[in-house]
């Protein structure tokens, strides 16, 4: 698996000192490039934890799924709110399926 950052969608988190994906990446792999867009230093070093996918407020990052188990161009995209995470299985720009996972606290209580 790997992540894909859509530069046509990424806004570099505006004027923030660092992007949200840059801040949350546990491998310190994301940065803002000279075009003011998020970029990954090395796909090979990415743990594909999905933290950046969930953190992106404008859904500019997709988690690409391996073609060995799915058709090509299939990806996961997340939209997080305080109450839930909505995961979309996408084939290109087409949403094939959507899963809603309620947010919980550390003790499992919503």
PDB file of N, CA and C in Angstrom:
ATOM      1  N   UNK A   1       0.845  -1.172   0.000  1.00  0.00           N
ATOM      2  CA  UNK A   1       0.000   0.000   0.000  1.00  0.00           C
ATOM      3  C   UNK A   1       0.889   1.232   0.000  1.00  0.00           C
ATOM      4  N   UNK A   2       0.300   2.316  -0.387  1.00  0.00           N
ATOM      5  CA  UNK A   2       1.009   3.589  -0.394  1.00  0.00           C
ATOM      6  C   UNK A   2      -0.007   4.712  -0.294  1.00  0.00           C
ATOM      7  N   UNK A   3       0.497   5.904  -0.041  1.00  0.00           N
ATOM      8  CA  UNK A   3      -0.409   7.050  -0.022  1.00  0.00           C
ATOM      9  C   UNK A   3      -0.250   7.819  -1.320  1.00  0.00           C
ATOM     10  N   UNK A   4      -1.314   8.510  -1.705  1.00  0.00           N
ATOM     11  CA  UNK A   4      -1.292   9.367  -2.878  1.00  0.00           C
ATOM     12  C   UNK A   4      -1.818  10.730  -2.461  1.00  0.00           C
ATOM     13  N   UNK A   5      -1.015  11.763  -2.688  1.00  0.00           N
ATOM     14  CA  UNK A   5      -1.427  13.127  -2.363  1.00  0.00           C
ATOM     15  C   UNK A   5      -1.830  13.811  -3.660  1.00  0.00           C
ATOM     16  N   UNK A   6      -3.082  14.202  -3.740  1.00  0.00           N
ATOM     17  CA  UNK A   6      -3.589  14.874  -4.932  1.00  0.00           C
ATOM     18  C   UNK A   6      -3.224  16.358  -4.845  1.00  0.00           C
ATOM     19  N   UNK A   7      -2.227  16.768  -5.618  1.00  0.00           N
ATOM     20  CA  UNK A   7      -1.776  18.157  -5.581  1.00  0.00           C
ATOM     21  C   UNK A   7      -2.821  19.126  -6.110  1.00  0.00           C
ATOM     22  N   UNK A   8      -3.774  18.617  -6.877  1.00  0.00           N
ATOM     23  CA  UNK A   8      -4.844  19.505  -7.354  1.00  0.00           C
ATOM     24  C   UNK A   8      -5.832  19.835  -6.241  1.00  0.00           C
ATOM     25  N   UNK A   9      -5.824  19.029  -5.201  1.00  0.00           N
ATOM     26  CA  UNK A   9      -6.741  19.236  -4.074  1.00  0.00           C
ATOM     27  C   UNK A   9      -6.005  19.834  -2.868  1.00  0.00           C
ATOM     28  N   UNK A  10      -4.783  19.396  -2.614  1.00  0.00           N
ATOM     29  CA  UNK A  10      -4.017  19.846  -1.442  1.00  0.00           C
ATOM     30  C   UNK A  10      -3.837  21.372  -1.473  1.00  0.00           C
ATOM     31  N   UNK A  11      -4.122  21.978  -0.324  1.00  0.00           N
ATOM     32  CA  UNK A  11      -3.914  23.429  -0.219  1.00  0.00           C
ATOM     33  C   UNK A  11      -2.768  23.751   0.731  1.00  0.00           C
ATOM     34  N   UNK A  12      -2.012  22.728   1.126  1.00  0.00           N
ATOM     35  CA  UNK A  12      -0.868  22.947   2.022  1.00  0.00           C
ATOM     36  C   UNK A  12      -1.290  23.463   3.386  1.00  0.00           C
ATOM     37  N   UNK A  13      -2.543  23.264   3.742  1.00  0.00           N
ATOM     38  CA  UNK A  13      -3.106  23.740   5.016  1.00  0.00           C
ATOM     39  C   UNK A  13      -2.946  25.250   5.176  1.00  0.00           C
ATOM     40  N   UNK A  14      -3.086  25.934   4.060  1.00  0.00           N
ATOM     41  CA  UNK A  14      -3.109  27.401   4.108  1.00  0.00           C
ATOM     42  C   UNK A  14      -1.838  27.993   4.672  1.00  0.00           C
ATOM     43  N   UNK A  15      -2.009  28.889   5.627  1.00  0.00           N
ATOM     44  CA  UNK A  15      -0.873  29.605   6.198  1.00  0.00           C
ATOM     45  C   UNK A  15      -0.331  28.948   7.463  1.00  0.00           C
ATOM     46  N   UNK A  16      -0.836  27.763   7.790  1.00  0.00           N
ATOM     47  CA  UNK A  16      -0.356  27.073   8.991  1.00  0.00           C
ATOM     48  C   UNK A  16       1.146  26.837   8.896  1.00  0.00           C
ATOM     49  N   UNK A  17       1.797  26.791  10.052  1.00  0.00           N
ATOM     50  CA  UNK A  17       3.247  26.608  10.079  1.00  0.00           C
ATOM     51  C   UNK A  17       3.658  25.292   9.434  1.00  0.00           C
ATOM     52  N   UNK A  18       2.858  24.254   9.673  1.00  0.00           N
ATOM     53  CA  UNK A  18       3.090  22.968   9.038  1.00  0.00           C
ATOM     54  C   UNK A  18       1.739  22.352   8.695  1.00  0.00           C
ATOM     55  N   UNK A  19       1.719  21.459   7.730  1.00  0.00           N
ATOM     56  CA  UNK A  19       0.463  20.812   7.344  1.00  0.00           C
ATOM     57  C   UNK A  19       0.029  19.830   8.426  1.00  0.00           C
ATOM     58  N   UNK A  20      -1.263  19.528   8.465  1.00  0.00           N
ATOM     59  CA  UNK A  20      -1.756  18.573   9.458  1.00  0.00           C
ATOM     60  C   UNK A  20      -1.150  17.190   9.224  1.00  0.00           C
ATOM     61  N   UNK A  21      -1.002  16.799   7.960  1.00  0.00           N
ATOM     62  CA  UNK A  21      -0.426  15.481   7.671  1.00  0.00           C
ATOM     63  C   UNK A  21       1.046  15.433   8.090  1.00  0.00           C
ATOM     64  N   UNK A  22       1.728  16.550   7.904  1.00  0.00           N
ATOM     65  CA  UNK A  22       3.133  16.647   8.316  1.00  0.00           C
ATOM     66  C   UNK A  22       3.238  16.502   9.831  1.00  0.00           C
ATOM     67  N   UNK A  23       2.328  17.131  10.540  1.00  0.00           N
ATOM     68  CA  UNK A  23       2.341  17.114  11.997  1.00  0.00           C
ATOM     69  C   UNK A  23       2.050  15.721  12.547  1.00  0.00           C
ATOM     70  N   UNK A  24       1.169  14.972  11.876  1.00  0.00           N
ATOM     71  CA  UNK A  24       0.716  13.697  12.451  1.00  0.00           C
ATOM     72  C   UNK A  24       1.511  12.486  11.973  1.00  0.00           C
ATOM     73  N   UNK A  25       2.258  12.592  10.910  1.00  0.00           N
ATOM     74  CA  UNK A  25       2.980  11.438  10.359  1.00  0.00           C
ATOM     75  C   UNK A  25       3.988  10.890  11.376  1.00  0.00           C
ATOM     76  N   UNK A  26       3.801   9.635  11.833  1.00  0.00           N
ATOM     77  CA  UNK A  26       4.711   9.079  12.843  1.00  0.00           C
ATOM     78  C   UNK A  26       6.116   8.826  12.299  1.00  0.00           C
ATOM     79  N   UNK A  27       6.263   8.751  10.987  1.00  0.00           N
ATOM     80  CA  UNK A  27       7.578   8.522  10.398  1.00  0.00           C
ATOM     81  C   UNK A  27       8.270   9.797   9.970  1.00  0.00           C
ATOM     82  N   UNK A  28       7.633  10.942  10.215  1.00  0.00           N
ATOM     83  CA  UNK A  28       8.185  12.247   9.821  1.00  0.00           C
ATOM     84  C   UNK A  28       8.531  12.263   8.327  1.00  0.00           C
ATOM     85  N   UNK A  29       7.635  11.720   7.525  1.00  0.00           N
ATOM     86  CA  UNK A  29       7.905  11.576   6.090  1.00  0.00           C
ATOM     87  C   UNK A  29       7.269  12.657   5.227  1.00  0.00           C
ATOM     88  N   UNK A  30       6.328  13.398   5.768  1.00  0.00           N
ATOM     89  CA  UNK A  30       5.619  14.387   4.950  1.00  0.00           C
ATOM     90  C   UNK A  30       6.188  15.778   5.185  1.00  0.00           C
ATOM     91  N   UNK A  31       6.151  16.554   4.144  1.00  0.00           N
ATOM     92  CA  UNK A  31       6.619  17.935   4.233  1.00  0.00           C
ATOM     93  C   UNK A  31       5.867  18.764   3.205  1.00  0.00           C
ATOM     94  N   UNK A  32       5.972  20.086   3.327  1.00  0.00           N
ATOM     95  CA  UNK A  32       5.369  20.999   2.367  1.00  0.00           C
ATOM     96  C   UNK A  32       6.449  21.370   1.350  1.00  0.00           C
ATOM     97  N   UNK A  33       6.174  21.098   0.088  1.00  0.00           N
ATOM     98  CA  UNK A  33       7.180  21.357  -0.937  1.00  0.00           C
ATOM     99  C   UNK A  33       7.160  22.824  -1.391  1.00  0.00           C
ATOM    100  N   UNK A  34       7.994  23.155  -2.355  1.00  0.00           N
ATOM    101  CA  UNK A  34       8.106  24.545  -2.797  1.00  0.00           C
ATOM    102  C   UNK A  34       6.877  25.032  -3.567  1.00  0.00           C
ATOM    103  N   UNK A  35       5.970  24.117  -3.919  1.00  0.00           N
ATOM    104  CA  UNK A  35       4.693  24.505  -4.536  1.00  0.00           C
ATOM    105  C   UNK A  35       3.600  24.652  -3.478  1.00  0.00           C
ATOM    106  N   UNK A  36       4.001  24.581  -2.194  1.00  0.00           N
ATOM    107  CA  UNK A  36       3.100  24.729  -1.050  1.00  0.00           C
ATOM    108  C   UNK A  36       2.097  23.565  -0.973  1.00  0.00           C
ATOM    109  N   UNK A  37       2.543  22.383  -1.364  1.00  0.00           N
ATOM    110  CA  UNK A  37       1.719  21.179  -1.333  1.00  0.00           C
ATOM    111  C   UNK A  37       2.398  20.136  -0.459  1.00  0.00           C
ATOM    112  N   UNK A  38       1.585  19.276   0.150  1.00  0.00           N
ATOM    113  CA  UNK A  38       2.156  18.177   0.937  1.00  0.00           C
ATOM    114  C   UNK A  38       2.821  17.185  -0.005  1.00  0.00           C
ATOM    115  N   UNK A  39       3.921  16.625   0.452  1.00  0.00           N
ATOM    116  CA  UNK A  39       4.659  15.656  -0.349  1.00  0.00           C
ATOM    117  C   UNK A  39       5.284  14.637   0.599  1.00  0.00           C
ATOM    118  N   UNK A  40       5.427  13.407   0.121  1.00  0.00           N
ATOM    119  CA  UNK A  40       6.055  12.364   0.938  1.00  0.00           C
ATOM    120  C   UNK A  40       7.506  12.182   0.493  1.00  0.00           C
ATOM    121  N   UNK A  41       8.399  12.051   1.470  1.00  0.00           N
ATOM    122  CA  UNK A  41       9.825  11.889   1.157  1.00  0.00           C
ATOM    123  C   UNK A  41      10.109  10.536   0.520  1.00  0.00           C
ATOM    124  N   UNK A  42       9.490   9.476   1.078  1.00  0.00           N
ATOM    125  CA  UNK A  42       9.792   8.128   0.607  1.00  0.00           C
ATOM    126  C   UNK A  42       8.589   7.217   0.822  1.00  0.00           C
ATOM    127  N   UNK A  43       7.995   6.737  -0.269  1.00  0.00           N
ATOM    128  CA  UNK A  43       6.890   5.795  -0.133  1.00  0.00           C
ATOM    129  C   UNK A  43       7.360   4.511   0.549  1.00  0.00           C
ATOM    130  N   UNK A  44       8.605   4.111   0.277  1.00  0.00           N
ATOM    131  CA  UNK A  44       9.130   2.875   0.835  1.00  0.00           C
ATOM    132  C   UNK A  44       9.255   2.893   2.346  1.00  0.00           C
ATOM    133  N   UNK A  45       9.400   4.073   2.917  1.00  0.00           N
ATOM    134  CA  UNK A  45       9.518   4.183   4.368  1.00  0.00           C
ATOM    135  C   UNK A  45       8.168   4.396   5.051  1.00  0.00           C
ATOM    136  N   UNK A  46       7.105   4.595   4.266  1.00  0.00           N
ATOM    137  CA  UNK A  46       5.771   4.856   4.825  1.00  0.00           C
ATOM    138  C   UNK A  46       5.209   3.584   5.456  1.00  0.00           C
ATOM    139  N   UNK A  47       4.666   3.717   6.658  1.00  0.00           N
ATOM    140  CA  UNK A  47       4.081   2.582   7.374  1.00  0.00           C
ATOM    141  C   UNK A  47       2.646   2.333   6.925  1.00  0.00           C
ATOM    142  N   UNK A  48       2.096   3.186   6.097  1.00  0.00           N
ATOM    143  CA  UNK A  48       0.698   3.149   5.653  1.00  0.00           C
ATOM    144  C   UNK A  48      -0.264   3.020   6.827  1.00  0.00           C
ATOM    145  N   UNK A  49       0.014   3.796   7.849  1.00  0.00           N
ATOM    146  CA  UNK A  49      -0.843   3.773   9.039  1.00  0.00           C
ATOM    147  C   UNK A  49      -2.175   4.478   8.772  1.00  0.00           C
ATOM    148  N   UNK A  50      -2.215   5.362   7.786  1.00  0.00           N
ATOM    149  CA  UNK A  50      -3.452   6.067   7.442  1.00  0.00           C
ATOM    150  C   UNK A  50      -3.695   7.313   8.268  1.00  0.00           C
ATOM    151  N   UNK A  51      -2.786   7.668   9.150  1.00  0.00           N
ATOM    152  CA  UNK A  51      -2.982   8.854   9.993  1.00  0.00           C
ATOM    153  C   UNK A  51      -3.113  10.115   9.139  1.00  0.00           C
ATOM    154  N   UNK A  52      -2.304  10.239   8.112  1.00  0.00           N
ATOM    155  CA  UNK A  52      -2.369  11.425   7.253  1.00  0.00           C
ATOM    156  C   UNK A  52      -3.680  11.455   6.461  1.00  0.00           C
ATOM    157  N   UNK A  53      -4.165  10.288   6.071  1.00  0.00           N
ATOM    158  CA  UNK A  53      -5.425  10.205   5.314  1.00  0.00           C
ATOM    159  C   UNK A  53      -6.560  10.733   6.184  1.00  0.00           C
ATOM    160  N   UNK A  54      -6.557  10.337   7.460  1.00  0.00           N
ATOM    161  CA  UNK A  54      -7.603  10.786   8.368  1.00  0.00           C
ATOM    162  C   UNK A  54      -7.421  12.245   8.775  1.00  0.00           C
ATOM    163  N   UNK A  55      -6.192  12.725   8.833  1.00  0.00           N
ATOM    164  CA  UNK A  55      -5.941  14.085   9.306  1.00  0.00           C
ATOM    165  C   UNK A  55      -6.239  15.149   8.258  1.00  0.00           C
ATOM    166  N   UNK A  56      -6.172  14.803   6.995  1.00  0.00           N
ATOM    167  CA  UNK A  56      -6.341  15.811   5.942  1.00  0.00           C
ATOM    168  C   UNK A  56      -7.776  16.354   5.957  1.00  0.00           C
ATOM    169  N   UNK A  57      -7.950  17.653   6.205  1.00  0.00           N
ATOM    170  CA  UNK A  57      -9.300  18.205   6.318  1.00  0.00           C
ATOM    171  C   UNK A  57     -10.024  18.353   4.986  1.00  0.00           C
ATOM    172  N   UNK A  58      -9.305  18.204   3.877  1.00  0.00           N
ATOM    173  CA  UNK A  58      -9.962  18.386   2.574  1.00  0.00           C
ATOM    174  C   UNK A  58      -9.855  17.128   1.703  1.00  0.00           C
ATOM    175  N   UNK A  59      -9.519  15.993   2.313  1.00  0.00           N
ATOM    176  CA  UNK A  59      -9.463  14.695   1.651  1.00  0.00           C
ATOM    177  C   UNK A  59      -8.559  14.723   0.405  1.00  0.00           C
ATOM    178  N   UNK A  60      -7.374  15.290   0.565  1.00  0.00           N
ATOM    179  CA  UNK A  60      -6.415  15.345  -0.536  1.00  0.00           C
ATOM    180  C   UNK A  60      -5.493  14.127  -0.561  1.00  0.00           C
ATOM    181  N   UNK A  61      -5.578  13.267   0.469  1.00  0.00           N
ATOM    182  CA  UNK A  61      -4.686  12.107   0.553  1.00  0.00           C
ATOM    183  C   UNK A  61      -5.515  10.831   0.523  1.00  0.00           C
ATOM    184  N   UNK A  62      -5.147   9.925  -0.351  1.00  0.00           N
ATOM    185  CA  UNK A  62      -5.779   8.610  -0.445  1.00  0.00           C
ATOM    186  C   UNK A  62      -4.768   7.545  -0.048  1.00  0.00           C
ATOM    187  N   UNK A  63      -5.288   6.459   0.491  1.00  0.00           N
ATOM    188  CA  UNK A  63      -4.473   5.277   0.755  1.00  0.00           C
ATOM    189  C   UNK A  63      -4.720   4.323  -0.391  1.00  0.00           C
ATOM    190  N   UNK A  64      -3.711   4.085  -1.212  1.00  0.00           N
ATOM    191  CA  UNK A  64      -3.837   3.194  -2.367  1.00  0.00           C
ATOM    192  C   UNK A  64      -3.718   1.752  -1.899  1.00  0.00           C
ATOM    193  N   UNK A  65      -4.668   0.950  -2.300  1.00  0.00           N
ATOM    194  CA  UNK A  65      -4.665  -0.453  -1.896  1.00  0.00           C
ATOM    195  C   UNK A  65      -3.886  -1.279  -2.905  1.00  0.00           C
ATOM    196  N   UNK A  66      -3.293  -2.380  -2.459  1.00  0.00           N
ATOM    197  CA  UNK A  66      -2.466  -3.177  -3.370  1.00  0.00           C
ATOM    198  C   UNK A  66      -3.298  -3.801  -4.494  1.00  0.00           C
ATOM    199  N   UNK A  67      -2.742  -3.782  -5.677  1.00  0.00           N
ATOM    200  CA  UNK A  67      -3.456  -4.345  -6.827  1.00  0.00           C
ATOM    201  C   UNK A  67      -3.538  -5.862  -6.757  1.00  0.00           C
ATOM    202  N   UNK A  68      -2.742  -6.477  -5.876  1.00  0.00           N
ATOM    203  CA  UNK A  68      -2.801  -7.921  -5.728  1.00  0.00           C
ATOM    204  C   UNK A  68      -4.146  -8.369  -5.157  1.00  0.00           C
ATOM    205  N   UNK A  69      -4.791  -7.522  -4.368  1.00  0.00           N
ATOM    206  CA  UNK A  69      -6.059  -7.920  -3.768  1.00  0.00           C
ATOM    207  C   UNK A  69      -7.258  -7.198  -4.365  1.00  0.00           C
ATOM    208  N   UNK A  70      -7.020  -6.118  -5.093  1.00  0.00           N
ATOM    209  CA  UNK A  70      -8.126  -5.359  -5.660  1.00  0.00           C
ATOM    210  C   UNK A  70      -7.782  -4.890  -7.063  1.00  0.00           C
ATOM    211  N   UNK A  71      -8.774  -4.326  -7.737  1.00  0.00           N
ATOM    212  CA  UNK A  71      -8.555  -3.752  -9.050  1.00  0.00           C
ATOM    213  C   UNK A  71      -7.601  -2.562  -8.916  1.00  0.00           C
ATOM    214  N   UNK A  72      -7.032  -2.157 -10.002  1.00  0.00           N
ATOM    215  CA  UNK A  72      -6.159  -0.990  -9.953  1.00  0.00           C
ATOM    216  C   UNK A  72      -6.976   0.271  -9.724  1.00  0.00           C
ATOM    217  N   UNK A  73      -6.294   1.293  -9.231  1.00  0.00           N
ATOM    218  CA  UNK A  73      -6.860   2.607  -8.962  1.00  0.00           C
ATOM    219  C   UNK A  73      -7.909   2.603  -7.853  1.00  0.00           C
ATOM    220  N   UNK A  74      -7.902   1.584  -7.008  1.00  0.00           N
ATOM    221  CA  UNK A  74      -8.795   1.543  -5.858  1.00  0.00           C
ATOM    222  C   UNK A  74      -8.069   2.199  -4.690  1.00  0.00           C
ATOM    223  N   UNK A  75      -8.780   3.042  -3.965  1.00  0.00           N
ATOM    224  CA  UNK A  75      -8.165   3.720  -2.841  1.00  0.00           C
ATOM    225  C   UNK A  75      -9.173   3.923  -1.723  1.00  0.00           C
ATOM    226  N   UNK A  76      -8.643   4.259  -0.551  1.00  0.00           N
ATOM    227  CA  UNK A  76      -9.458   4.623   0.599  1.00  0.00           C
ATOM    228  C   UNK A  76      -9.267   6.094   0.866  1.00  0.00           C
ATOM    229  N   UNK A  77     -10.365   6.776   1.177  1.00  0.00           N
ATOM    230  CA  UNK A  77     -10.294   8.186   1.531  1.00  0.00           C
ATOM    231  C   UNK A  77     -11.115   8.364   2.797  1.00  0.00           C
ATOM    232  N   UNK A  78     -10.627   9.167   3.710  1.00  0.00           N
ATOM    233  CA  UNK A  78     -11.319   9.352   4.983  1.00  0.00           C
ATOM    234  C   UNK A  78     -11.760  10.789   5.170  1.00  0.00           C
ATOM    235  N   UNK A  79     -12.896  10.940   5.817  1.00  0.00           N
ATOM    236  CA  UNK A  79     -13.350  12.248   6.261  1.00  0.00           C
ATOM    237  C   UNK A  79     -13.698  12.094   7.729  1.00  0.00           C
ATOM    238  N   UNK A  80     -12.969  12.825   8.576  1.00  0.00           N
ATOM    239  CA  UNK A  80     -13.159  12.695  10.016  1.00  0.00           C
ATOM    240  C   UNK A  80     -13.908  13.887  10.581  1.00  0.00           C
ATOM    241  N   UNK A  81     -14.816  13.589  11.464  1.00  0.00           N
ATOM    242  CA  UNK A  81     -15.482  14.613  12.248  1.00  0.00           C
ATOM    243  C   UNK A  81     -15.296  14.233  13.705  1.00  0.00           C
ATOM    244  N   UNK A  82     -15.804  15.044  14.607  1.00  0.00           N
ATOM    245  CA  UNK A  82     -15.692  14.708  16.025  1.00  0.00           C
ATOM    246  C   UNK A  82     -16.491  13.464  16.354  1.00  0.00           C
ATOM    247  N   UNK A  83     -17.519  13.172  15.570  1.00  0.00           N
ATOM    248  CA  UNK A  83     -18.420  12.073  15.900  1.00  0.00           C
ATOM    249  C   UNK A  83     -18.153  10.786  15.126  1.00  0.00           C
ATOM    250  N   UNK A  84     -17.464  10.893  13.970  1.00  0.00           N
ATOM    251  CA  UNK A  84     -17.288   9.694  13.151  1.00  0.00           C
ATOM    252  C   UNK A  84     -16.170   9.868  12.124  1.00  0.00           C
ATOM    253  N   UNK A  85     -15.744   8.727  11.583  1.00  0.00           N
ATOM    254  CA  UNK A  85     -14.845   8.714  10.437  1.00  0.00           C
ATOM    255  C   UNK A  85     -15.588   8.027   9.311  1.00  0.00           C
ATOM    256  N   UNK A  86     -15.671   8.705   8.178  1.00  0.00           N
ATOM    257  CA  UNK A  86     -16.334   8.142   7.008  1.00  0.00           C
ATOM    258  C   UNK A  86     -15.243   7.698   6.045  1.00  0.00           C
ATOM    259  N   UNK A  87     -15.146   6.394   5.818  1.00  0.00           N
ATOM    260  CA  UNK A  87     -14.169   5.826   4.888  1.00  0.00           C
ATOM    261  C   UNK A  87     -14.881   5.556   3.568  1.00  0.00           C
ATOM    262  N   UNK A  88     -14.296   6.024   2.489  1.00  0.00           N
ATOM    263  CA  UNK A  88     -14.850   5.779   1.158  1.00  0.00           C
ATOM    264  C   UNK A  88     -13.905   4.859   0.394  1.00  0.00           C
ATOM    265  N   UNK A  89     -14.440   3.808  -0.194  1.00  0.00           N
ATOM    266  CA  UNK A  89     -13.678   2.998  -1.142  1.00  0.00           C
ATOM    267  C   UNK A  89     -13.947   3.610  -2.501  1.00  0.00           C
ATOM    268  N   UNK A  90     -12.882   4.078  -3.149  1.00  0.00           N
ATOM    269  CA  UNK A  90     -13.028   4.816  -4.405  1.00  0.00           C
ATOM    270  C   UNK A  90     -12.328   4.084  -5.542  1.00  0.00           C
ATOM    271  N   UNK A  91     -12.936   4.161  -6.711  1.00  0.00           N
ATOM    272  CA  UNK A  91     -12.310   3.701  -7.950  1.00  0.00           C
ATOM    273  C   UNK A  91     -12.136   4.958  -8.788  1.00  0.00           C
ATOM    274  N   UNK A  92     -10.952   5.524  -8.716  1.00  0.00           N
ATOM    275  CA  UNK A  92     -10.751   6.833  -9.333  1.00  0.00           C
ATOM    276  C   UNK A  92     -11.574   7.860  -8.570  1.00  0.00           C
ATOM    277  N   UNK A  93     -12.450   8.551  -9.253  1.00  0.00           N
ATOM    278  CA  UNK A  93     -13.284   9.558  -8.605  1.00  0.00           C
ATOM    279  C   UNK A  93     -14.654   9.022  -8.202  1.00  0.00           C
ATOM    280  N   UNK A  94     -14.898   7.752  -8.455  1.00  0.00           N
ATOM    281  CA  UNK A  94     -16.209   7.171  -8.170  1.00  0.00           C
ATOM    282  C   UNK A  94     -16.188   6.483  -6.802  1.00  0.00           C
ATOM    283  N   UNK A  95     -17.140   6.848  -5.942  1.00  0.00           N
ATOM    284  CA  UNK A  95     -17.264   6.204  -4.634  1.00  0.00           C
ATOM    285  C   UNK A  95     -18.001   4.890  -4.833  1.00  0.00           C
ATOM    286  N   UNK A  96     -17.314   3.776  -4.503  1.00  0.00           N
ATOM    287  CA  UNK A  96     -17.929   2.465  -4.667  1.00  0.00           C
ATOM    288  C   UNK A  96     -18.653   2.022  -3.408  1.00  0.00           C
ATOM    289  N   UNK A  97     -18.124   2.392  -2.254  1.00  0.00           N
ATOM    290  CA  UNK A  97     -18.740   1.992  -1.007  1.00  0.00           C
ATOM    291  C   UNK A  97     -18.267   2.947   0.094  1.00  0.00           C
ATOM    292  N   UNK A  98     -19.082   3.063   1.125  1.00  0.00           N
ATOM    293  CA  UNK A  98     -18.777   3.977   2.203  1.00  0.00           C
ATOM    294  C   UNK A  98     -19.012   3.269   3.539  1.00  0.00           C
ATOM    295  N   UNK A  99     -18.089   3.460   4.483  1.00  0.00           N
ATOM    296  CA  UNK A  99     -18.223   2.892   5.817  1.00  0.00           C
ATOM    297  C   UNK A  99     -18.137   4.024   6.823  1.00  0.00           C
ATOM    298  N   UNK A 100     -19.037   4.033   7.775  1.00  0.00           N
ATOM    299  CA  UNK A 100     -19.032   5.050   8.823  1.00  0.00           C
ATOM    300  C   UNK A 100     -18.660   4.371  10.129  1.00  0.00           C
ATOM    301  N   UNK A 101     -17.606   4.869  10.741  1.00  0.00           N
ATOM    302  CA  UNK A 101     -17.150   4.316  12.014  1.00  0.00           C
ATOM    303  C   UNK A 101     -17.307   5.398  13.069  1.00  0.00           C
ATOM    304  N   UNK A 102     -18.177   5.157  14.044  1.00  0.00           N
ATOM    305  CA  UNK A 102     -18.376   6.168  15.091  1.00  0.00           C
ATOM    306  C   UNK A 102     -17.098   6.394  15.886  1.00  0.00           C
ATOM    307  N   UNK A 103     -16.891   7.632  16.293  1.00  0.00           N
ATOM    308  CA  UNK A 103     -15.746   7.946  17.148  1.00  0.00           C
ATOM    309  C   UNK A 103     -16.026   7.402  18.539  1.00  0.00           C
ATOM    310  N   UNK A 104     -14.994   6.942  19.179  1.00  0.00           N
ATOM    311  CA  UNK A 104     -15.140   6.444  20.545  1.00  0.00           C
ATOM    312  C   UNK A 104     -14.049   7.043  21.399  1.00  0.00           C
ATOM    313  N   UNK A 105     -14.252   6.985  22.668  1.00  0.00           N
ATOM    314  CA  UNK A 105     -13.208   7.416  23.585  1.00  0.00           C
ATOM    315  C   UNK A 105     -12.294   6.229  23.835  1.00  0.00           C
ATOM    316  N   UNK A 106     -11.270   6.414  24.573  1.00  0.00           N
ATOM    317  CA  UNK A 106     -10.322   5.347  24.869  1.00  0.00           C
ATOM    318  C   UNK A 106     -10.939   4.161  25.585  1.00  0.00           C
ATOM    319  N   UNK A 107     -12.075   4.383  26.275  1.00  0.00           N
ATOM    320  CA  UNK A 107     -12.693   3.261  27.002  1.00  0.00           C
ATOM    321  C   UNK A 107     -13.819   2.619  26.205  1.00  0.00           C
ATOM    322  N   UNK A 108     -13.932   2.962  24.920  1.00  0.00           N
ATOM    323  CA  UNK A 108     -14.933   2.336  24.070  1.00  0.00           C
ATOM    324  C   UNK A 108     -16.306   2.968  24.154  1.00  0.00           C
ATOM    325  N   UNK A 109     -16.459   4.021  24.957  1.00  0.00           N
ATOM    326  CA  UNK A 109     -17.750   4.687  25.087  1.00  0.00           C
ATOM    327  C   UNK A 109     -17.840   5.804  24.065  1.00  0.00           C
ATOM    328  N   UNK A 110     -18.958   5.847  23.354  1.00  0.00           N
ATOM    329  CA  UNK A 110     -19.151   6.906  22.360  1.00  0.00           C
ATOM    330  C   UNK A 110     -19.476   8.208  23.030  1.00  0.00           C
TER     331      UNK A 110
END
